[in-house]
Amino acid sequence: MLRPTRLTLIFTLLLSVAVRAQQGQELYQVFCASCHMADRFHVGPSLIEIGKLYGEKPDEFVAWCHA
């Protein structure tokens, strides 16, 4: 059986991931969604294409976002 401290740690980690996912969705809606559709080119490349380009290079993606 998991000890209470482990359960607390696991719960905190899962909550943190959920909060970051929510924040990511909000950031996308505010800064990206008007030009980048999920599955097709709009004004800029789709999220699928961006994922193909930067999926393994998150630091380069962040640098591109800040450019």
C-alpha atoms as a PDB file:
ATOM      1  CA  MET A   1       0.000   0.000   0.000  1.00  0.00           C
ATOM      2  CA  LEU A   2       1.173   3.527  -0.758  1.00  0.00           C
ATOM      3  CA  ARG A   3       2.118   5.627   2.212  1.00  0.00           C
ATOM      4  CA  PRO A   4       0.251   8.928   2.720  1.00  0.00           C
ATOM      5  CA  THR A   5       3.330  10.952   1.768  1.00  0.00           C
ATOM      6  CA  ARG A   6       3.562   9.143  -1.568  1.00  0.00           C
ATOM      7  CA  LEU A   7      -0.137   9.650  -2.214  1.00  0.00           C
ATOM      8  CA  THR A   8       0.236  13.342  -1.466  1.00  0.00           C
ATOM      9  CA  LEU A   9       3.202  13.591  -3.813  1.00  0.00           C
ATOM     10  CA  ILE A  10       1.379  11.767  -6.615  1.00  0.00           C
ATOM     11  CA  PHE A  11      -1.750  13.882  -6.173  1.00  0.00           C
ATOM     12  CA  THR A  12       0.290  17.091  -6.174  1.00  0.00           C
ATOM     13  CA  LEU A  13       2.104  16.048  -9.338  1.00  0.00           C
ATOM     14  CA  LEU A  14      -1.130  15.161 -11.140  1.00  0.00           C
ATOM     15  CA  LEU A  15      -2.741  18.416 -10.060  1.00  0.00           C
ATOM     16  CA  SER A  16       0.299  20.350 -11.265  1.00  0.00           C
ATOM     17  CA  VAL A  17       0.096  18.692 -14.686  1.00  0.00           C
ATOM     18  CA  ALA A  18      -3.621  19.458 -14.922  1.00  0.00           C
ATOM     19  CA  VAL A  19      -3.053  23.113 -14.002  1.00  0.00           C
ATOM     20  CA  ARG A  20      -0.255  23.447 -16.582  1.00  0.00           C
ATOM     21  CA  ALA A  21      -2.473  21.867 -19.240  1.00  0.00           C
ATOM     22  CA  GLN A  22      -5.231  24.359 -18.430  1.00  0.00           C
ATOM     23  CA  GLN A  23      -2.752  27.229 -18.561  1.00  0.00           C
ATOM     24  CA  GLY A  24      -1.463  25.941 -21.904  1.00  0.00           C
ATOM     25  CA  GLN A  25      -4.981  25.869 -23.319  1.00  0.00           C
ATOM     26  CA  GLU A  26      -5.567  29.426 -22.123  1.00  0.00           C
ATOM     27  CA  LEU A  27      -2.279  30.637 -23.610  1.00  0.00           C
ATOM     28  CA  TYR A  28      -3.143  28.973 -26.923  1.00  0.00           C
ATOM     29  CA  GLN A  29      -6.570  30.623 -27.008  1.00  0.00           C
ATOM     30  CA  VAL A  30      -5.164  34.071 -26.218  1.00  0.00           C
ATOM     31  CA  PHE A  31      -1.999  34.086 -28.330  1.00  0.00           C
ATOM     32  CA  CYS A  32      -2.202  31.365 -31.001  1.00  0.00           C
ATOM     33  CA  ALA A  33      -5.721  30.260 -31.927  1.00  0.00           C
ATOM     34  CA  SER A  34      -6.503  33.213 -34.173  1.00  0.00           C
ATOM     35  CA  CYS A  35      -3.770  32.118 -36.629  1.00  0.00           C
ATOM     36  CA  HIS A  36      -3.037  28.440 -35.873  1.00  0.00           C
ATOM     37  CA  MET A  37      -5.879  25.933 -36.226  1.00  0.00           C
ATOM     38  CA  ALA A  38      -5.508  22.479 -34.738  1.00  0.00           C
ATOM     39  CA  ASP A  39      -5.571  20.503 -37.975  1.00  0.00           C
ATOM     40  CA  ARG A  40      -5.251  22.855 -40.950  1.00  0.00           C
ATOM     41  CA  PHE A  41      -3.315  25.854 -42.201  1.00  0.00           C
ATOM     42  CA  HIS A  42      -5.108  29.126 -41.483  1.00  0.00           C
ATOM     43  CA  VAL A  43      -2.796  32.136 -41.287  1.00  0.00           C
ATOM     44  CA  GLY A  44       0.027  30.046 -39.872  1.00  0.00           C
ATOM     45  CA  PRO A  45       0.829  26.321 -39.788  1.00  0.00           C
ATOM     46  CA  SER A  46      -1.489  23.921 -37.973  1.00  0.00           C
ATOM     47  CA  LEU A  47      -0.670  22.572 -34.533  1.00  0.00           C
ATOM     48  CA  ILE A  48      -0.038  19.209 -36.195  1.00  0.00           C
ATOM     49  CA  GLU A  49       2.640  20.730 -38.436  1.00  0.00           C
ATOM     50  CA  ILE A  50       4.170  22.657 -35.534  1.00  0.00           C
ATOM     51  CA  GLY A  51       4.259  19.412 -33.552  1.00  0.00           C
ATOM     52  CA  LYS A  52       6.087  17.677 -36.393  1.00  0.00           C
ATOM     53  CA  LEU A  53       8.649  20.476 -36.538  1.00  0.00           C
ATOM     54  CA  TYR A  54       9.219  21.026 -32.823  1.00  0.00           C
ATOM     55  CA  GLY A  55       7.915  17.888 -31.079  1.00  0.00           C
ATOM     56  CA  GLU A  56      11.389  16.780 -30.024  1.00  0.00           C
ATOM     57  CA  LYS A  57      12.798  20.308 -29.653  1.00  0.00           C
ATOM     58  CA  PRO A  58      10.762  22.201 -27.047  1.00  0.00           C
ATOM     59  CA  ASP A  59      13.511  24.799 -26.472  1.00  0.00           C
ATOM     60  CA  GLU A  60      13.507  25.705 -30.162  1.00  0.00           C
ATOM     61  CA  PHE A  61       9.714  25.962 -30.074  1.00  0.00           C
ATOM     62  CA  VAL A  62       9.842  28.395 -27.157  1.00  0.00           C
ATOM     63  CA  ALA A  63      12.494  30.452 -28.950  1.00  0.00           C
ATOM     64  CA  TRP A  64      10.290  30.518 -32.076  1.00  0.00           C
ATOM     65  CA  CYS A  65       7.310  31.678 -29.997  1.00  0.00           C
ATOM     66  CA  HIS A  66       9.316  34.538 -28.538  1.00  0.00           C
ATOM     67  CA  ALA A  67      10.764  35.653 -31.900  1.00  0.00           C
END
